[in-house]
């Protein structure tokens, strides 16, 4: 939850000191940063999962023979 202008007005009306308001705003910023970090971590984990299920690249090169019978050839052959 972020601090809104209405919340600041309510804090002033309630008689909170500058230090108290600063502590509340700092806590709000810490909470917002933690939520952003969690969101980034989830996105990174999703991207890792997506990259992990990519189809394997075929190394078959047409016109080459394999090392042993039944094996397809590769560039190094």
PDB file of N, CA and C in Angstrom:
ATOM      1  N   UNK A   1       0.845  -1.168   0.000  1.00  0.00           N
ATOM      2  CA  UNK A   1       0.000   0.000   0.000  1.00  0.00           C
ATOM      3  C   UNK A   1       0.892   1.233   0.000  1.00  0.00           C
ATOM      4  N   UNK A   2       0.598   2.173  -0.861  1.00  0.00           N
ATOM      5  CA  UNK A   2       1.400   3.387  -0.906  1.00  0.00           C
ATOM      6  C   UNK A   2       0.670   4.509  -0.172  1.00  0.00           C
ATOM      7  N   UNK A   3       1.432   5.454   0.280  1.00  0.00           N
ATOM      8  CA  UNK A   3       0.882   6.599   0.997  1.00  0.00           C
ATOM      9  C   UNK A   3       0.258   7.550  -0.024  1.00  0.00           C
ATOM     10  N   UNK A   4      -0.968   7.944   0.223  1.00  0.00           N
ATOM     11  CA  UNK A   4      -1.658   8.873  -0.675  1.00  0.00           C
ATOM     12  C   UNK A   4      -1.673  10.266  -0.047  1.00  0.00           C
ATOM     13  N   UNK A   5      -1.931  11.295  -0.846  1.00  0.00           N
ATOM     14  CA  UNK A   5      -2.024  12.644  -0.272  1.00  0.00           C
ATOM     15  C   UNK A   5      -3.101  12.746   0.816  1.00  0.00           C
ATOM     16  N   UNK A   6      -4.195  12.007   0.638  1.00  0.00           N
ATOM     17  CA  UNK A   6      -5.254  12.023   1.649  1.00  0.00           C
ATOM     18  C   UNK A   6      -4.761  11.440   2.968  1.00  0.00           C
ATOM     19  N   UNK A   7      -3.921  10.410   2.872  1.00  0.00           N
ATOM     20  CA  UNK A   7      -3.376   9.794   4.083  1.00  0.00           C
ATOM     21  C   UNK A   7      -2.450  10.773   4.805  1.00  0.00           C
ATOM     22  N   UNK A   8      -1.682  11.516   4.044  1.00  0.00           N
ATOM     23  CA  UNK A   8      -0.786  12.511   4.659  1.00  0.00           C
ATOM     24  C   UNK A   8      -1.610  13.581   5.366  1.00  0.00           C
ATOM     25  N   UNK A   9      -2.684  14.049   4.703  1.00  0.00           N
ATOM     26  CA  UNK A   9      -3.558  15.041   5.337  1.00  0.00           C
ATOM     27  C   UNK A   9      -4.153  14.494   6.629  1.00  0.00           C
ATOM     28  N   UNK A  10      -4.550  13.229   6.622  1.00  0.00           N
ATOM     29  CA  UNK A  10      -5.119  12.614   7.827  1.00  0.00           C
ATOM     30  C   UNK A  10      -4.069  12.520   8.931  1.00  0.00           C
ATOM     31  N   UNK A  11      -2.820  12.210   8.557  1.00  0.00           N
ATOM     32  CA  UNK A  11      -1.752  12.132   9.563  1.00  0.00           C
ATOM     33  C   UNK A  11      -1.501  13.495  10.191  1.00  0.00           C
ATOM     34  N   UNK A  12      -1.509  14.555   9.359  1.00  0.00           N
ATOM     35  CA  UNK A  12      -1.303  15.907   9.873  1.00  0.00           C
ATOM     36  C   UNK A  12      -2.461  16.282  10.792  1.00  0.00           C
ATOM     37  N   UNK A  13      -3.694  15.973  10.360  1.00  0.00           N
ATOM     38  CA  UNK A  13      -4.872  16.290  11.169  1.00  0.00           C
ATOM     39  C   UNK A  13      -4.854  15.542  12.497  1.00  0.00           C
ATOM     40  N   UNK A  14      -4.274  14.333  12.491  1.00  0.00           N
ATOM     41  CA  UNK A  14      -4.201  13.542  13.721  1.00  0.00           C
ATOM     42  C   UNK A  14      -3.092  14.018  14.647  1.00  0.00           C
ATOM     43  N   UNK A  15      -2.255  14.930  14.164  1.00  0.00           N
ATOM     44  CA  UNK A  15      -1.207  15.486  15.005  1.00  0.00           C
ATOM     45  C   UNK A  15       0.080  14.689  15.040  1.00  0.00           C
ATOM     46  N   UNK A  16       0.320  13.857  14.023  1.00  0.00           N
ATOM     47  CA  UNK A  16       1.561  13.089  13.982  1.00  0.00           C
ATOM     48  C   UNK A  16       2.754  14.031  13.789  1.00  0.00           C
ATOM     49  N   UNK A  17       3.863  13.666  14.404  1.00  0.00           N
ATOM     50  CA  UNK A  17       5.072  14.473  14.241  1.00  0.00           C
ATOM     51  C   UNK A  17       5.728  14.131  12.897  1.00  0.00           C
ATOM     52  N   UNK A  18       6.680  14.962  12.505  1.00  0.00           N
ATOM     53  CA  UNK A  18       7.418  14.705  11.263  1.00  0.00           C
ATOM     54  C   UNK A  18       8.112  13.351  11.304  1.00  0.00           C
ATOM     55  N   UNK A  19       8.669  13.028  12.457  1.00  0.00           N
ATOM     56  CA  UNK A  19       9.389  11.769  12.610  1.00  0.00           C
ATOM     57  C   UNK A  19       8.445  10.575  12.448  1.00  0.00           C
ATOM     58  N   UNK A  20       7.255  10.689  13.012  1.00  0.00           N
ATOM     59  CA  UNK A  20       6.283   9.608  12.900  1.00  0.00           C
ATOM     60  C   UNK A  20       5.830   9.435  11.447  1.00  0.00           C
ATOM     61  N   UNK A  21       5.571  10.559  10.770  1.00  0.00           N
ATOM     62  CA  UNK A  21       5.159  10.480   9.364  1.00  0.00           C
ATOM     63  C   UNK A  21       6.291   9.926   8.502  1.00  0.00           C
ATOM     64  N   UNK A  22       7.511  10.334   8.798  1.00  0.00           N
ATOM     65  CA  UNK A  22       8.660   9.834   8.035  1.00  0.00           C
ATOM     66  C   UNK A  22       8.799   8.327   8.229  1.00  0.00           C
ATOM     67  N   UNK A  23       8.589   7.837   9.441  1.00  0.00           N
ATOM     68  CA  UNK A  23       8.675   6.401   9.713  1.00  0.00           C
ATOM     69  C   UNK A  23       7.600   5.640   8.936  1.00  0.00           C
ATOM     70  N   UNK A  24       6.386   6.178   8.897  1.00  0.00           N
ATOM     71  CA  UNK A  24       5.307   5.529   8.147  1.00  0.00           C
ATOM     72  C   UNK A  24       5.602   5.521   6.649  1.00  0.00           C
ATOM     73  N   UNK A  25       6.110   6.631   6.129  1.00  0.00           N
ATOM     74  CA  UNK A  25       6.433   6.711   4.702  1.00  0.00           C
ATOM     75  C   UNK A  25       7.583   5.779   4.354  1.00  0.00           C
ATOM     76  N   UNK A  26       8.570   5.698   5.246  1.00  0.00           N
ATOM     77  CA  UNK A  26       9.694   4.794   5.011  1.00  0.00           C
ATOM     78  C   UNK A  26       9.217   3.349   4.986  1.00  0.00           C
ATOM     79  N   UNK A  27       8.337   2.988   5.894  1.00  0.00           N
ATOM     80  CA  UNK A  27       7.789   1.634   5.925  1.00  0.00           C
ATOM     81  C   UNK A  27       7.007   1.342   4.651  1.00  0.00           C
ATOM     82  N   UNK A  28       6.275   2.331   4.167  1.00  0.00           N
ATOM     83  CA  UNK A  28       5.520   2.164   2.924  1.00  0.00           C
ATOM     84  C   UNK A  28       6.456   1.951   1.747  1.00  0.00           C
ATOM     85  N   UNK A  29       7.549   2.707   1.683  1.00  0.00           N
ATOM     86  CA  UNK A  29       8.531   2.543   0.609  1.00  0.00           C
ATOM     87  C   UNK A  29       9.198   1.172   0.665  1.00  0.00           C
ATOM     88  N   UNK A  30       9.539   0.718   1.851  1.00  0.00           N
ATOM     89  CA  UNK A  30      10.154  -0.603   2.016  1.00  0.00           C
ATOM     90  C   UNK A  30       9.201  -1.692   1.542  1.00  0.00           C
ATOM     91  N   UNK A  31       7.922  -1.546   1.890  1.00  0.00           N
ATOM     92  CA  UNK A  31       6.917  -2.525   1.477  1.00  0.00           C
ATOM     93  C   UNK A  31       6.768  -2.525  -0.049  1.00  0.00           C
ATOM     94  N   UNK A  32       6.763  -1.362  -0.676  1.00  0.00           N
ATOM     95  CA  UNK A  32       6.629  -1.270  -2.132  1.00  0.00           C
ATOM     96  C   UNK A  32       7.848  -1.874  -2.828  1.00  0.00           C
ATOM     97  N   UNK A  33       9.037  -1.617  -2.292  1.00  0.00           N
ATOM     98  CA  UNK A  33      10.257  -2.183  -2.874  1.00  0.00           C
ATOM     99  C   UNK A  33      10.261  -3.708  -2.749  1.00  0.00           C
ATOM    100  N   UNK A  34       9.782  -4.231  -1.637  1.00  0.00           N
ATOM    101  CA  UNK A  34       9.726  -5.681  -1.451  1.00  0.00           C
ATOM    102  C   UNK A  34       8.755  -6.308  -2.446  1.00  0.00           C
ATOM    103  N   UNK A  35       7.629  -5.647  -2.676  1.00  0.00           N
ATOM    104  CA  UNK A  35       6.656  -6.157  -3.641  1.00  0.00           C
ATOM    105  C   UNK A  35       7.251  -6.156  -5.047  1.00  0.00           C
ATOM    106  N   UNK A  36       7.989  -5.099  -5.399  1.00  0.00           N
ATOM    107  CA  UNK A  36       8.641  -5.027  -6.712  1.00  0.00           C
ATOM    108  C   UNK A  36       9.680  -6.121  -6.852  1.00  0.00           C
ATOM    109  N   UNK A  37      10.459  -6.350  -5.807  1.00  0.00           N
ATOM    110  CA  UNK A  37      11.488  -7.392  -5.855  1.00  0.00           C
ATOM    111  C   UNK A  37      10.857  -8.766  -6.034  1.00  0.00           C
ATOM    112  N   UNK A  38       9.731  -9.006  -5.348  1.00  0.00           N
ATOM    113  CA  UNK A  38       9.033 -10.283  -5.492  1.00  0.00           C
ATOM    114  C   UNK A  38       8.494 -10.449  -6.910  1.00  0.00           C
ATOM    115  N   UNK A  39       7.966  -9.372  -7.459  1.00  0.00           N
ATOM    116  CA  UNK A  39       7.439  -9.410  -8.829  1.00  0.00           C
ATOM    117  C   UNK A  39       8.558  -9.701  -9.827  1.00  0.00           C
ATOM    118  N   UNK A  40       9.725  -9.060  -9.648  1.00  0.00           N
ATOM    119  CA  UNK A  40      10.867  -9.317 -10.534  1.00  0.00           C
ATOM    120  C   UNK A  40      11.364 -10.753 -10.395  1.00  0.00           C
ATOM    121  N   UNK A  41      11.391 -11.271  -9.172  1.00  0.00           N
ATOM    122  CA  UNK A  41      11.850 -12.639  -8.950  1.00  0.00           C
ATOM    123  C   UNK A  41      10.910 -13.643  -9.622  1.00  0.00           C
ATOM    124  N   UNK A  42       9.603 -13.399  -9.531  1.00  0.00           N
ATOM    125  CA  UNK A  42       8.642 -14.283 -10.184  1.00  0.00           C
ATOM    126  C   UNK A  42       8.800 -14.233 -11.694  1.00  0.00           C
ATOM    127  N   UNK A  43       9.020 -13.032 -12.251  1.00  0.00           N
ATOM    128  CA  UNK A  43       9.194 -12.897 -13.692  1.00  0.00           C
ATOM    129  C   UNK A  43      10.474 -13.598 -14.147  1.00  0.00           C
ATOM    130  N   UNK A  44      11.536 -13.490 -13.360  1.00  0.00           N
ATOM    131  CA  UNK A  44      12.796 -14.148 -13.707  1.00  0.00           C
ATOM    132  C   UNK A  44      12.645 -15.667 -13.655  1.00  0.00           C
ATOM    133  N   UNK A  45      11.930 -16.169 -12.647  1.00  0.00           N
ATOM    134  CA  UNK A  45      11.704 -17.615 -12.541  1.00  0.00           C
ATOM    135  C   UNK A  45      10.870 -18.111 -13.720  1.00  0.00           C
ATOM    136  N   UNK A  46       9.880 -17.334 -14.106  1.00  0.00           N
ATOM    137  CA  UNK A  46       9.051 -17.704 -15.266  1.00  0.00           C
ATOM    138  C   UNK A  46       9.898 -17.761 -16.530  1.00  0.00           C
ATOM    139  N   UNK A  47      10.769 -16.771 -16.701  1.00  0.00           N
ATOM    140  CA  UNK A  47      11.629 -16.733 -17.891  1.00  0.00           C
ATOM    141  C   UNK A  47      12.585 -17.925 -17.889  1.00  0.00           C
ATOM    142  N   UNK A  48      13.125 -18.294 -16.721  1.00  0.00           N
ATOM    143  CA  UNK A  48      13.998 -19.461 -16.644  1.00  0.00           C
ATOM    144  C   UNK A  48      13.252 -20.727 -17.040  1.00  0.00           C
ATOM    145  N   UNK A  49      11.994 -20.847 -16.563  1.00  0.00           N
ATOM    146  CA  UNK A  49      11.193 -22.012 -16.936  1.00  0.00           C
ATOM    147  C   UNK A  49      10.931 -22.028 -18.442  1.00  0.00           C
ATOM    148  N   UNK A  50      10.639 -20.872 -19.014  1.00  0.00           N
ATOM    149  CA  UNK A  50      10.389 -20.794 -20.452  1.00  0.00           C
ATOM    150  C   UNK A  50      11.624 -21.198 -21.240  1.00  0.00           C
ATOM    151  N   UNK A  51      12.767 -20.748 -20.801  1.00  0.00           N
ATOM    152  CA  UNK A  51      14.007 -21.080 -21.504  1.00  0.00           C
ATOM    153  C   UNK A  51      14.353 -22.548 -21.340  1.00  0.00           C
ATOM    154  N   UNK A  52      13.924 -23.150 -20.252  1.00  0.00           N
ATOM    155  CA  UNK A  52      14.233 -24.545 -19.986  1.00  0.00           C
ATOM    156  C   UNK A  52      13.457 -25.523 -20.847  1.00  0.00           C
ATOM    157  N   UNK A  53      12.339 -25.120 -21.399  1.00  0.00           N
ATOM    158  CA  UNK A  53      11.524 -26.035 -22.192  1.00  0.00           C
ATOM    159  C   UNK A  53      11.653 -25.782 -23.691  1.00  0.00           C
ATOM    160  N   UNK A  54      12.649 -25.027 -24.087  1.00  0.00           N
ATOM    161  CA  UNK A  54      12.860 -24.791 -25.515  1.00  0.00           C
ATOM    162  C   UNK A  54      13.231 -26.101 -26.197  1.00  0.00           C
ATOM    163  N   UNK A  55      12.774 -26.302 -27.426  1.00  0.00           N
ATOM    164  CA  UNK A  55      13.119 -27.543 -28.120  1.00  0.00           C
ATOM    165  C   UNK A  55      14.626 -27.624 -28.367  1.00  0.00           C
ATOM    166  N   UNK A  56      15.140 -28.854 -28.323  1.00  0.00           N
ATOM    167  CA  UNK A  56      16.568 -29.061 -28.536  1.00  0.00           C
ATOM    168  C   UNK A  56      16.922 -28.767 -29.997  1.00  0.00           C
ATOM    169  N   UNK A  57      18.064 -28.166 -30.206  1.00  0.00           N
ATOM    170  CA  UNK A  57      18.536 -27.840 -31.550  1.00  0.00           C
ATOM    171  C   UNK A  57      19.142 -29.092 -32.176  1.00  0.00           C
ATOM    172  N   UNK A  58      18.698 -29.406 -33.365  1.00  0.00           N
ATOM    173  CA  UNK A  58      19.222 -30.583 -34.053  1.00  0.00           C
ATOM    174  C   UNK A  58      20.612 -30.277 -34.603  1.00  0.00           C
ATOM    175  N   UNK A  59      21.531 -31.205 -34.393  1.00  0.00           N
ATOM    176  CA  UNK A  59      22.890 -31.034 -34.903  1.00  0.00           C
ATOM    177  C   UNK A  59      23.088 -31.769 -36.222  1.00  0.00           C
ATOM    178  N   UNK A  60      22.034 -32.330 -36.765  1.00  0.00           N
ATOM    179  CA  UNK A  60      22.136 -33.075 -38.018  1.00  0.00           C
ATOM    180  C   UNK A  60      22.490 -32.138 -39.173  1.00  0.00           C
ATOM    181  N   UNK A  61      23.507 -32.518 -39.924  1.00  0.00           N
ATOM    182  CA  UNK A  61      23.907 -31.774 -41.115  1.00  0.00           C
ATOM    183  C   UNK A  61      23.684 -32.700 -42.306  1.00  0.00           C
ATOM    184  N   UNK A  62      22.753 -32.347 -43.174  1.00  0.00           N
ATOM    185  CA  UNK A  62      22.468 -33.214 -44.312  1.00  0.00           C
ATOM    186  C   UNK A  62      23.722 -33.454 -45.165  1.00  0.00           C
ATOM    187  N   UNK A  63      23.857 -34.678 -45.658  1.00  0.00           N
ATOM    188  CA  UNK A  63      24.982 -35.008 -46.526  1.00  0.00           C
ATOM    189  C   UNK A  63      26.228 -35.464 -45.804  1.00  0.00           C
ATOM    190  N   UNK A  64      26.185 -35.595 -44.480  1.00  0.00           N
ATOM    191  CA  UNK A  64      27.344 -36.094 -43.727  1.00  0.00           C
ATOM    192  C   UNK A  64      27.006 -37.454 -43.138  1.00  0.00           C
ATOM    193  N   UNK A  65      28.023 -38.233 -42.889  1.00  0.00           N
ATOM    194  CA  UNK A  65      27.850 -39.553 -42.307  1.00  0.00           C
ATOM    195  C   UNK A  65      28.070 -39.488 -40.806  1.00  0.00           C
ATOM    196  N   UNK A  66      27.432 -40.379 -40.080  1.00  0.00           N
ATOM    197  CA  UNK A  66      27.614 -40.431 -38.642  1.00  0.00           C
ATOM    198  C   UNK A  66      28.850 -41.195 -38.263  1.00  0.00           C
ATOM    199  N   UNK A  67      29.223 -41.138 -36.975  1.00  0.00           N
ATOM    200  CA  UNK A  67      30.384 -41.867 -36.484  1.00  0.00           C
ATOM    201  C   UNK A  67      30.152 -43.366 -36.506  1.00  0.00           C
ATOM    202  N   UNK A  68      28.950 -43.765 -36.125  1.00  0.00           N
ATOM    203  CA  UNK A  68      28.604 -45.188 -36.110  1.00  0.00           C
ATOM    204  C   UNK A  68      27.307 -45.385 -36.852  1.00  0.00           C
ATOM    205  N   UNK A  69      27.015 -46.576 -37.167  1.00  0.00           N
ATOM    206  CA  UNK A  69      25.793 -46.857 -37.916  1.00  0.00           C
ATOM    207  C   UNK A  69      24.553 -46.377 -37.184  1.00  0.00           C
ATOM    208  N   UNK A  70      23.634 -45.731 -37.887  1.00  0.00           N
ATOM    209  CA  UNK A  70      22.404 -45.263 -37.312  1.00  0.00           C
ATOM    210  C   UNK A  70      22.489 -43.883 -36.698  1.00  0.00           C
ATOM    211  N   UNK A  71      23.680 -43.314 -36.629  1.00  0.00           N
ATOM    212  CA  UNK A  71      23.843 -41.997 -36.064  1.00  0.00           C
ATOM    213  C   UNK A  71      23.918 -40.976 -37.198  1.00  0.00           C
ATOM    214  N   UNK A  72      23.297 -39.837 -37.004  1.00  0.00           N
ATOM    215  CA  UNK A  72      23.369 -38.795 -38.027  1.00  0.00           C
ATOM    216  C   UNK A  72      24.695 -38.062 -37.920  1.00  0.00           C
ATOM    217  N   UNK A  73      25.083 -37.445 -38.995  1.00  0.00           N
ATOM    218  CA  UNK A  73      26.354 -36.716 -38.990  1.00  0.00           C
ATOM    219  C   UNK A  73      26.220 -35.324 -38.399  1.00  0.00           C
ATOM    220  N   UNK A  74      27.339 -34.784 -37.939  1.00  0.00           N
ATOM    221  CA  UNK A  74      27.388 -33.426 -37.430  1.00  0.00           C
ATOM    222  C   UNK A  74      28.483 -32.691 -38.154  1.00  0.00           C
ATOM    223  N   UNK A  75      28.617 -31.408 -37.926  1.00  0.00           N
ATOM    224  CA  UNK A  75      29.604 -30.609 -38.618  1.00  0.00           C
ATOM    225  C   UNK A  75      31.020 -31.111 -38.387  1.00  0.00           C
ATOM    226  N   UNK A  76      31.282 -31.655 -37.228  1.00  0.00           N
ATOM    227  CA  UNK A  76      32.630 -32.133 -36.912  1.00  0.00           C
ATOM    228  C   UNK A  76      32.998 -33.430 -37.587  1.00  0.00           C
ATOM    229  N   UNK A  77      32.040 -34.113 -38.207  1.00  0.00           N
ATOM    230  CA  UNK A  77      32.311 -35.402 -38.845  1.00  0.00           C
ATOM    231  C   UNK A  77      32.991 -35.235 -40.180  1.00  0.00           C
TER     232      UNK A  77
END
